[in-house]
Amino acid sequence: MFYADDAFSGLHIMEDLATEDGARDTRLKEGRTVKEYAKAAAVDEETGPVFAERSAVVGDAANIPNPPFWGVRVKKDFDLREVFKYINETALFKNQWQLKTASQEDYLRLVKDKFRPIKEKLEEEIIASGLFEPKVVYGYFPAQADGNDVVVYEGTDGARAGTPAPTSNLKELLRFTFPRQREGRRLCISDFVAPKSSGKLDVIGMSLVTIGALASRETQRLFEAGEYTKYLYVHGLSVETAEALAELHHKNMREELGIAGDDSPHIRDLFHQKYRGSRYSFGYPACPNLEDQTKLFALLHPEENVGVRLTSGFLLEPEQSTSAIVVHHPAAKYFVV
């Protein structure tokens, strides 16, 4: 039996249980989460430096897309009906609304007869009330890999992704240091960015999406009023709508980068990364350090742009928000450190 202090810790334990590797067994024996294990795997004076050589299974991207702009933009003109199409109903019904059944047949029947009608009715109520306010702040930045670091540069008129890096006027803004797998494929997010040694500039995306503070205040009101069933439905839908907005906007970013041709035509497939590249959120297995949110905030300025702030524990507020680093490399998919 495993105990978790919070939802993130629980997620990491579940990731460990679902991953078959030696490092997982070590982590679970020691009672450590992926996040704690990643911290222990950082540069350690007693054990020596971290293995920082690029994974042998990741080659160079055949083509590096050039973004439509460098820097940051804000987008607020989303059609909620379009966003709702990208809701993962399995996550909504089973995880958020806690639908438990003895058989798949019972599950499908309850979804058809009860839960999908509730979802559709609630969506119309939310559209009419303006309770959800989808907003996105995102940007593209020149970048290169330096060992396990992703170096982020200031975008200039002379910077063009996929071409030789300028020898001057290339200003480093900050760098993310990501953990690397110690065994197996030895993957690290930096592997999916062109290394400095290539002499080429790459591009990374950063994004933060939210459905606004109104949803958070309403769910709190419902809970305090004892309307627990309505709270469960509204809160669950609000969380999954934020995830749907992230999915939709990631698709929009792939279109802007000109790599959406690899997308599956079926929305459900997008939940399983049937597209080119990946987006990685801080606090999850490939980039477990939540403190890196501060660097994303330094780049995107979400508080003034979309009204999202960072708590002292490096969580996003309102809760119905999510952030990510976006990479285009065809080999980039989810993995566990």
Protein backbone atom coordinates (compact mmCIF):
# COMPACT_ATOMS: atom_id res chain seq x y z
CA MET A 1 0.00 0.00 0.00
CA PHE A 2 1.29 3.45 -0.91
CA TYR A 3 0.36 6.79 0.67
CA ALA A 4 0.59 10.13 -1.14
CA ASP A 5 0.67 13.60 0.38
CA ASP A 6 -1.19 15.17 -2.54
CA ALA A 7 -2.57 14.57 -6.03
CA PHE A 8 0.79 15.10 -7.71
CA SER A 9 2.49 12.57 -5.44
CA GLY A 10 -0.32 10.11 -6.13
CA LEU A 11 0.13 10.59 -9.86
CA HIS A 12 3.86 9.95 -9.60
CA ILE A 13 3.27 6.75 -7.62
CA MET A 14 0.77 5.56 -10.23
CA GLU A 15 3.28 6.37 -12.99
CA ASP A 16 5.86 4.31 -11.13
CA LEU A 17 3.50 1.38 -10.71
CA ALA A 18 2.70 1.45 -14.43
CA THR A 19 6.36 1.60 -15.48
CA GLU A 20 8.47 -1.51 -15.61
CA ASP A 21 12.06 -0.54 -14.91
CA GLY A 22 14.68 -1.07 -12.25
CA ALA A 23 14.68 2.56 -11.20
CA ARG A 24 10.98 2.29 -10.44
CA ASP A 25 11.58 -0.58 -8.03
CA THR A 26 14.29 1.42 -6.27
CA ARG A 27 12.04 4.46 -5.97
CA LEU A 28 9.13 2.49 -4.56
CA LYS A 29 11.30 0.61 -2.08
CA GLU A 30 12.67 3.91 -0.84
CA GLY A 31 9.18 5.44 -0.73
CA ARG A 32 10.24 8.25 -3.04
CA THR A 33 8.15 9.92 -5.73
CA VAL A 34 9.48 10.55 -9.22
CA LYS A 35 9.95 14.20 -8.25
CA GLU A 36 12.03 13.32 -5.21
CA TYR A 37 14.00 10.76 -7.21
CA ALA A 38 14.72 13.31 -9.93
CA LYS A 39 16.04 15.75 -7.35
CA ALA A 40 18.29 13.04 -5.97
CA ALA A 41 19.49 12.32 -9.51
CA ALA A 42 20.68 15.89 -10.03
CA VAL A 43 24.36 16.79 -9.71
CA ASP A 44 25.44 15.16 -6.45
CA GLU A 45 28.89 15.73 -4.99
CA GLU A 46 28.89 12.26 -3.45
CA THR A 47 27.81 10.27 -6.50
CA GLY A 48 29.36 12.41 -9.23
CA PRO A 49 27.90 14.42 -12.13
CA VAL A 50 24.70 13.54 -13.91
CA PHE A 51 24.95 11.58 -17.16
CA ALA A 52 24.36 14.33 -19.72
CA GLU A 53 25.13 12.71 -23.06
CA ARG A 54 22.30 12.83 -25.57
CA SER A 55 20.30 9.63 -25.86
CA ALA A 56 21.51 7.35 -28.63
CA VAL A 57 17.92 6.64 -29.69
CA VAL A 58 17.13 10.28 -30.54
CA GLY A 59 18.45 11.62 -33.84
CA ASP A 60 18.27 15.11 -35.26
CA ALA A 61 14.88 16.34 -36.44
CA ALA A 62 14.68 16.07 -40.23
CA ASN A 63 13.32 19.59 -40.43
CA ILE A 64 13.13 22.38 -37.86
CA PRO A 65 10.01 24.52 -38.34
CA ASN A 66 10.24 28.28 -38.27
CA PRO A 67 7.57 29.86 -36.04
CA PRO A 68 5.27 32.65 -37.25
CA PHE A 69 6.72 34.99 -34.61
CA TRP A 70 9.19 35.19 -31.75
CA GLY A 71 8.00 36.26 -28.32
CA VAL A 72 4.62 36.18 -26.61
CA ARG A 73 1.00 36.52 -27.68
CA VAL A 74 -2.35 36.32 -25.92
CA LYS A 75 -5.44 34.64 -27.38
CA LYS A 76 -8.94 34.96 -25.93
CA ASP A 77 -11.30 34.50 -28.88
CA PHE A 78 -12.12 30.84 -28.33
CA ASP A 79 -15.46 29.25 -29.17
CA LEU A 80 -16.38 27.19 -26.10
CA ARG A 81 -18.33 24.73 -28.21
CA GLU A 82 -15.13 24.01 -30.12
CA VAL A 83 -13.16 23.67 -26.88
CA PHE A 84 -15.73 21.24 -25.46
CA LYS A 85 -15.12 18.90 -28.43
CA TYR A 86 -11.62 18.29 -27.06
CA ILE A 87 -12.76 17.11 -23.63
CA ASN A 88 -11.51 13.65 -22.77
CA GLU A 89 -14.79 12.06 -21.69
CA THR A 90 -13.07 9.07 -20.12
CA ALA A 91 -11.10 11.36 -17.82
CA LEU A 92 -14.22 13.41 -17.09
CA PHE A 93 -16.63 10.58 -16.35
CA LYS A 94 -14.29 8.13 -14.63
CA ASN A 95 -11.80 10.40 -12.87
CA GLN A 96 -13.63 13.66 -12.24
CA TRP A 97 -17.23 12.44 -11.93
CA GLN A 98 -16.18 9.15 -10.34
CA LEU A 99 -18.27 6.88 -12.54
CA LYS A 100 -17.56 3.32 -11.40
CA THR A 101 -19.23 0.30 -12.99
CA ALA A 102 -18.85 -3.45 -12.85
CA SER A 103 -18.69 -3.85 -16.61
CA GLN A 104 -17.92 -1.91 -19.76
CA GLU A 105 -21.50 -2.53 -20.88
CA ASP A 106 -22.84 -0.80 -17.75
CA TYR A 107 -20.37 2.05 -18.23
CA LEU A 108 -21.46 2.70 -21.81
CA ARG A 109 -25.13 2.55 -20.84
CA LEU A 110 -24.70 5.03 -17.98
CA VAL A 111 -22.68 7.38 -20.18
CA LYS A 112 -25.38 7.33 -22.85
CA ASP A 113 -28.40 7.55 -20.57
CA LYS A 114 -27.14 9.77 -17.75
CA PHE A 115 -23.69 11.29 -17.82
CA ARG A 116 -23.39 12.56 -21.39
CA PRO A 117 -26.80 14.31 -21.15
CA ILE A 118 -25.65 15.93 -17.88
CA LYS A 119 -22.44 17.06 -19.58
CA GLU A 120 -24.25 18.50 -22.59
CA LYS A 121 -26.81 20.34 -20.45
CA LEU A 122 -24.09 21.75 -18.21
CA GLU A 123 -22.08 22.91 -21.22
CA GLU A 124 -25.05 24.90 -22.51
CA GLU A 125 -25.60 26.45 -19.08
CA ILE A 126 -21.96 27.48 -18.92
CA ILE A 127 -22.01 29.01 -22.40
CA ALA A 128 -25.12 31.00 -21.49
CA SER A 129 -23.71 32.20 -18.16
CA GLY A 130 -20.19 33.02 -19.31
CA LEU A 131 -18.78 31.05 -16.39
CA PHE A 132 -15.82 29.74 -18.39
CA GLU A 133 -13.50 32.34 -19.93
CA PRO A 134 -10.91 30.48 -22.05
CA LYS A 135 -7.64 32.40 -22.37
CA VAL A 136 -4.15 31.48 -23.52
CA VAL A 137 -0.76 33.13 -23.29
CA TYR A 138 1.92 31.44 -25.36
CA GLY A 139 5.09 32.09 -27.25
CA TYR A 140 7.92 30.79 -29.38
CA PHE A 141 11.57 31.17 -28.45
CA PRO A 142 14.88 30.29 -30.11
CA ALA A 143 16.53 27.46 -28.20
CA GLN A 144 19.41 25.00 -28.13
CA ALA A 145 20.29 22.03 -25.96
CA ASP A 146 23.38 22.13 -23.79
CA GLY A 147 23.73 18.74 -22.11
CA ASN A 148 20.59 18.33 -20.00
CA ASP A 149 19.78 22.03 -20.29
CA VAL A 150 17.45 23.71 -22.76
CA VAL A 151 18.85 27.19 -23.34
CA VAL A 152 16.20 29.76 -24.21
CA TYR A 153 17.23 32.84 -26.18
CA GLU A 154 15.60 36.14 -26.91
CA GLY A 155 13.98 36.17 -30.33
CA THR A 156 15.38 38.72 -32.78
CA ASP A 157 14.75 39.57 -36.41
CA GLY A 158 17.96 37.79 -37.35
CA ALA A 159 17.07 34.56 -35.59
CA ARG A 160 15.59 31.85 -37.78
CA ALA A 161 14.92 28.31 -36.62
CA GLY A 162 16.72 25.57 -38.52
CA THR A 163 19.54 27.88 -39.67
CA PRO A 164 23.01 28.52 -38.23
CA ALA A 165 22.84 30.32 -34.91
CA PRO A 166 23.94 33.98 -35.11
CA THR A 167 27.44 34.44 -33.75
CA SER A 168 26.42 37.71 -32.14
CA ASN A 169 23.32 39.33 -30.66
CA LEU A 170 22.08 35.96 -29.33
CA LYS A 171 20.98 36.77 -25.80
CA GLU A 172 20.38 33.91 -23.37
CA LEU A 173 17.22 34.56 -21.34
CA LEU A 174 17.29 31.48 -19.11
CA ARG A 175 17.74 27.75 -19.16
CA PHE A 176 15.75 24.76 -17.99
CA THR A 177 17.67 21.83 -16.52
CA PHE A 178 15.77 18.59 -17.01
CA PRO A 179 16.41 15.19 -15.40
CA ARG A 180 17.63 12.31 -17.53
CA GLN A 181 16.73 8.65 -17.31
CA ARG A 182 19.60 6.76 -15.71
CA GLU A 183 18.77 3.50 -17.46
CA GLY A 184 17.10 2.25 -20.62
CA ARG A 185 16.80 4.87 -23.33
CA ARG A 186 18.37 7.58 -21.11
CA LEU A 187 15.93 10.18 -22.36
CA CYS A 188 15.84 13.83 -21.37
CA ILE A 189 13.64 16.60 -22.79
CA SER A 190 16.79 18.39 -23.97
CA ASP A 191 17.35 15.51 -26.42
CA PHE A 192 14.46 16.83 -28.48
CA VAL A 193 16.10 20.23 -29.06
CA ALA A 194 18.99 20.84 -31.48
CA PRO A 195 22.26 20.79 -29.51
CA LYS A 196 24.67 23.71 -29.46
CA SER A 197 27.21 21.49 -31.19
CA SER A 198 24.96 21.38 -34.28
CA GLY A 199 25.37 25.12 -34.74
CA LYS A 200 21.64 25.37 -35.50
CA LEU A 201 18.91 27.28 -33.75
CA ASP A 202 15.84 25.33 -32.75
CA VAL A 203 12.45 26.54 -31.55
CA ILE A 204 10.47 25.68 -28.44
CA GLY A 205 6.99 26.77 -27.49
CA MET A 206 5.71 27.75 -24.08
CA SER A 207 2.03 27.93 -23.24
CA LEU A 208 -0.32 28.54 -20.36
CA VAL A 209 -4.07 28.11 -20.67
CA THR A 210 -6.87 28.92 -18.24
CA ILE A 211 -10.64 29.09 -18.16
CA GLY A 212 -10.51 31.95 -15.68
CA ALA A 213 -11.21 32.77 -12.06
CA LEU A 214 -15.02 32.77 -12.32
CA ALA A 215 -15.10 28.97 -12.55
CA SER A 216 -12.89 28.65 -9.49
CA ARG A 217 -15.06 31.02 -7.45
CA GLU A 218 -18.27 29.26 -8.50
CA THR A 219 -16.99 25.80 -7.56
CA GLN A 220 -15.91 27.14 -4.18
CA ARG A 221 -19.38 28.67 -3.68
CA LEU A 222 -21.09 25.39 -4.54
CA PHE A 223 -18.89 23.47 -2.12
CA GLU A 224 -19.42 25.91 0.73
CA ALA A 225 -23.18 25.87 0.08
CA GLY A 226 -23.24 22.09 0.43
CA GLU A 227 -24.28 21.55 -3.20
CA TYR A 228 -21.84 18.69 -3.49
CA THR A 229 -23.28 16.94 -6.55
CA LYS A 230 -23.38 20.16 -8.58
CA TYR A 231 -19.91 20.98 -7.27
CA LEU A 232 -18.61 17.62 -8.48
CA TYR A 233 -20.06 18.17 -11.95
CA VAL A 234 -18.99 21.81 -12.38
CA HIS A 235 -15.55 21.34 -10.86
CA GLY A 236 -14.84 18.23 -12.91
CA LEU A 237 -16.00 19.86 -16.12
CA SER A 238 -13.96 22.99 -15.39
CA VAL A 239 -10.76 21.00 -14.87
CA GLU A 240 -11.25 18.90 -18.00
CA THR A 241 -12.19 21.99 -20.04
CA ALA A 242 -8.83 23.50 -19.13
CA GLU A 243 -7.18 20.29 -20.34
CA ALA A 244 -9.30 20.42 -23.50
CA LEU A 245 -8.20 24.00 -24.12
CA ALA A 246 -4.57 22.91 -23.74
CA GLU A 247 -5.15 20.11 -26.27
CA LEU A 248 -6.86 22.42 -28.75
CA HIS A 249 -4.25 25.13 -28.41
CA HIS A 250 -1.41 22.64 -28.83
CA LYS A 251 -3.06 21.64 -32.10
CA ASN A 252 -3.21 25.33 -33.07
CA MET A 253 0.51 25.66 -32.31
CA ARG A 254 1.31 22.66 -34.50
CA GLU A 255 -0.66 24.30 -37.29
CA GLU A 256 1.31 27.53 -36.83
CA LEU A 257 4.55 25.56 -36.99
CA GLY A 258 3.42 23.72 -40.12
CA ILE A 259 3.67 20.24 -38.58
CA ALA A 260 -0.03 19.44 -38.12
CA GLY A 261 0.05 17.17 -41.15
CA ASP A 262 1.01 14.33 -38.83
CA ASP A 263 -2.10 14.81 -36.66
CA SER A 264 -4.66 12.06 -36.50
CA PRO A 265 -8.03 13.26 -37.85
CA HIS A 266 -9.71 11.81 -34.76
CA ILE A 267 -9.75 13.98 -31.64
CA ARG A 268 -9.68 10.94 -29.38
CA ASP A 269 -6.33 9.91 -30.89
CA LEU A 270 -4.82 13.25 -29.89
CA PHE A 271 -5.23 12.22 -26.24
CA HIS A 272 -2.73 9.45 -27.06
CA GLN A 273 -0.22 11.78 -28.77
CA LYS A 274 -1.06 10.78 -32.33
CA TYR A 275 0.71 13.87 -33.63
CA ARG A 276 4.24 15.20 -34.07
CA GLY A 277 6.04 16.38 -30.95
CA SER A 278 4.90 16.67 -27.38
CA ARG A 279 4.00 19.07 -24.61
CA TYR A 280 5.40 18.55 -21.15
CA SER A 281 3.88 20.03 -18.00
CA PHE A 282 5.92 20.81 -14.92
CA GLY A 283 5.34 18.49 -11.98
CA TYR A 284 4.88 15.43 -14.19
CA PRO A 285 7.35 12.59 -14.80
CA ALA A 286 9.52 14.00 -17.62
CA CYS A 287 9.94 17.41 -15.94
CA PRO A 288 9.07 16.92 -12.27
CA ASN A 289 10.47 20.18 -10.91
CA LEU A 290 7.49 22.44 -10.18
CA GLU A 291 9.81 25.36 -9.43
CA ASP A 292 10.49 25.61 -13.17
CA GLN A 293 7.07 27.26 -13.38
CA THR A 294 8.86 30.44 -12.27
CA LYS A 295 10.90 30.38 -15.48
CA LEU A 296 7.80 29.92 -17.61
CA PHE A 297 6.25 32.87 -15.76
CA ALA A 298 9.37 34.96 -16.48
CA LEU A 299 8.86 34.28 -20.19
CA LEU A 300 5.07 34.52 -20.54
CA HIS A 301 4.00 36.89 -17.71
CA PRO A 302 0.70 35.03 -17.17
CA GLU A 303 -0.43 37.13 -14.20
CA GLU A 304 -0.79 40.32 -16.23
CA ASN A 305 -1.68 38.59 -19.51
CA VAL A 306 -4.37 36.09 -18.46
CA GLY A 307 -4.82 36.54 -14.69
CA VAL A 308 -3.03 33.37 -13.56
CA ARG A 309 -0.66 33.57 -10.61
CA LEU A 310 1.82 31.19 -9.05
CA THR A 311 1.31 30.07 -5.45
CA SER A 312 4.12 29.68 -2.92
CA GLY A 313 4.04 25.96 -3.74
CA PHE A 314 4.50 26.72 -7.47
CA LEU A 315 0.95 25.68 -8.38
CA LEU A 316 -1.23 27.62 -10.79
CA GLU A 317 -4.15 29.67 -9.53
CA PRO A 318 -6.93 29.50 -10.64
CA GLU A 319 -6.74 25.73 -10.43
CA GLN A 320 -8.41 25.39 -13.84
CA SER A 321 -5.17 26.30 -15.61
CA THR A 322 -2.31 24.32 -17.08
CA SER A 323 1.09 25.17 -18.53
CA ALA A 324 3.57 23.36 -20.74
CA ILE A 325 6.77 23.45 -22.72
CA VAL A 326 6.14 22.42 -26.33
CA VAL A 327 8.67 20.64 -28.55
CA HIS A 328 8.27 19.67 -32.19
CA HIS A 329 10.75 16.78 -32.49
CA PRO A 330 9.03 13.71 -34.02
CA ALA A 331 10.55 11.41 -31.38
CA ALA A 332 9.25 13.47 -28.47
CA LYS A 333 6.61 11.58 -26.48
CA TYR A 334 5.83 11.11 -22.80
CA PHE A 335 8.34 9.20 -20.72
CA VAL A 336 9.14 8.68 -17.04
CA VAL A 337 12.44 9.69 -15.47
